[in-house]
Amino acid sequence: MARLAGCRRLHRRYERKAEHFLAFTSIACTLIYYRRLTN
């Protein structure tokens, strides 16, 4: 979870629906691991 600290959208849960929050979480995780693979 410490790696998600850089994602402002996930810092606080703004979405009302859990599905939207989980979608943004999976997008953030994908971006984090993509950045790790390209470096």
N, C-alpha and C. Protein backbone atom coordinates (compact mmCIF):
# COMPACT_ATOMS: atom_id res chain seq x y z
N MET A 1 0.81 -1.20 0.00
CA MET A 1 0.00 0.00 0.00
C MET A 1 0.85 1.26 0.00
N ALA A 2 2.09 1.17 0.42
CA ALA A 2 2.94 2.35 0.46
C ALA A 2 3.19 2.88 -0.95
N ARG A 3 3.21 1.99 -1.93
CA ARG A 3 3.43 2.43 -3.30
C ARG A 3 2.25 3.20 -3.86
N LEU A 4 1.08 2.97 -3.32
CA LEU A 4 -0.11 3.69 -3.78
C LEU A 4 -0.20 5.09 -3.20
N ALA A 5 0.74 5.45 -2.33
CA ALA A 5 0.70 6.78 -1.70
C ALA A 5 0.87 7.89 -2.72
N GLY A 6 1.53 7.61 -3.84
CA GLY A 6 1.72 8.63 -4.86
C GLY A 6 0.50 8.87 -5.73
N CYS A 7 -0.51 8.07 -5.60
CA CYS A 7 -1.73 8.20 -6.40
C CYS A 7 -2.75 9.04 -5.63
N ARG A 8 -2.91 10.27 -6.06
CA ARG A 8 -3.80 11.19 -5.34
C ARG A 8 -5.24 10.72 -5.33
N ARG A 9 -5.66 10.08 -6.39
CA ARG A 9 -7.05 9.64 -6.48
C ARG A 9 -7.36 8.58 -5.43
N LEU A 10 -6.36 7.81 -5.03
CA LEU A 10 -6.57 6.75 -4.07
C LEU A 10 -6.24 7.16 -2.64
N HIS A 11 -5.73 8.38 -2.48
CA HIS A 11 -5.38 8.84 -1.13
C HIS A 11 -6.61 8.89 -0.24
N ARG A 12 -7.70 9.32 -0.82
CA ARG A 12 -8.97 9.35 -0.12
C ARG A 12 -10.02 8.77 -1.05
N ARG A 13 -10.94 8.04 -0.53
CA ARG A 13 -11.94 7.39 -1.38
C ARG A 13 -13.03 8.38 -1.76
N TYR A 14 -12.97 8.87 -3.01
CA TYR A 14 -13.94 9.83 -3.50
C TYR A 14 -15.14 9.16 -4.16
N GLU A 15 -14.94 7.96 -4.65
CA GLU A 15 -16.01 7.27 -5.37
C GLU A 15 -17.03 6.71 -4.39
N ARG A 16 -18.27 6.77 -4.78
CA ARG A 16 -19.33 6.22 -3.93
C ARG A 16 -19.47 4.72 -4.10
N LYS A 17 -19.20 4.24 -5.29
CA LYS A 17 -19.34 2.81 -5.56
C LYS A 17 -18.00 2.11 -5.39
N ALA A 18 -18.05 0.95 -4.77
CA ALA A 18 -16.83 0.18 -4.54
C ALA A 18 -16.20 -0.29 -5.85
N GLU A 19 -17.03 -0.54 -6.86
CA GLU A 19 -16.50 -1.00 -8.14
C GLU A 19 -15.59 0.05 -8.77
N HIS A 20 -15.96 1.31 -8.65
CA HIS A 20 -15.14 2.39 -9.21
C HIS A 20 -13.83 2.51 -8.46
N PHE A 21 -13.89 2.41 -7.14
CA PHE A 21 -12.67 2.48 -6.33
C PHE A 21 -11.73 1.33 -6.68
N LEU A 22 -12.26 0.13 -6.82
CA LEU A 22 -11.43 -1.02 -7.17
C LEU A 22 -10.84 -0.87 -8.57
N ALA A 23 -11.59 -0.26 -9.48
CA ALA A 23 -11.07 -0.04 -10.83
C ALA A 23 -9.90 0.93 -10.80
N PHE A 24 -10.02 2.02 -10.06
CA PHE A 24 -8.91 2.97 -9.95
C PHE A 24 -7.71 2.34 -9.24
N THR A 25 -7.96 1.48 -8.28
CA THR A 25 -6.87 0.79 -7.59
C THR A 25 -6.12 -0.12 -8.55
N SER A 26 -6.84 -0.85 -9.36
CA SER A 26 -6.17 -1.74 -10.31
C SER A 26 -5.42 -0.96 -11.38
N ILE A 27 -5.96 0.17 -11.81
CA ILE A 27 -5.24 1.02 -12.77
C ILE A 27 -3.96 1.54 -12.15
N ALA A 28 -4.02 1.99 -10.91
CA ALA A 28 -2.84 2.51 -10.23
C ALA A 28 -1.78 1.43 -10.06
N CYS A 29 -2.19 0.23 -9.70
CA CYS A 29 -1.24 -0.87 -9.56
C CYS A 29 -0.59 -1.22 -10.89
N THR A 30 -1.38 -1.20 -11.94
CA THR A 30 -0.84 -1.48 -13.27
C THR A 30 0.19 -0.43 -13.66
N LEU A 31 -0.10 0.83 -13.42
CA LEU A 31 0.85 1.90 -13.74
C LEU A 31 2.12 1.80 -12.92
N ILE A 32 2.00 1.46 -11.65
CA ILE A 32 3.17 1.33 -10.79
C ILE A 32 4.09 0.22 -11.29
N TYR A 33 3.52 -0.93 -11.60
CA TYR A 33 4.35 -2.03 -12.08
C TYR A 33 4.88 -1.79 -13.48
N TYR A 34 4.16 -1.06 -14.30
CA TYR A 34 4.67 -0.70 -15.62
C TYR A 34 5.89 0.21 -15.49
N ARG A 35 5.81 1.16 -14.58
CA ARG A 35 6.96 2.05 -14.36
C ARG A 35 8.16 1.28 -13.83
N ARG A 36 7.91 0.30 -12.97
CA ARG A 36 9.01 -0.51 -12.45
C ARG A 36 9.66 -1.34 -13.55
N LEU A 37 8.85 -1.85 -14.47
CA LEU A 37 9.40 -2.68 -15.53
C LEU A 37 10.18 -1.88 -16.56
N THR A 38 9.77 -0.64 -16.80
CA THR A 38 10.45 0.17 -17.81
C THR A 38 11.71 0.83 -17.29
N ASN A 39 11.89 0.87 -15.99
CA ASN A 39 13.12 1.48 -15.43
C ASN A 39 14.20 0.48 -15.25
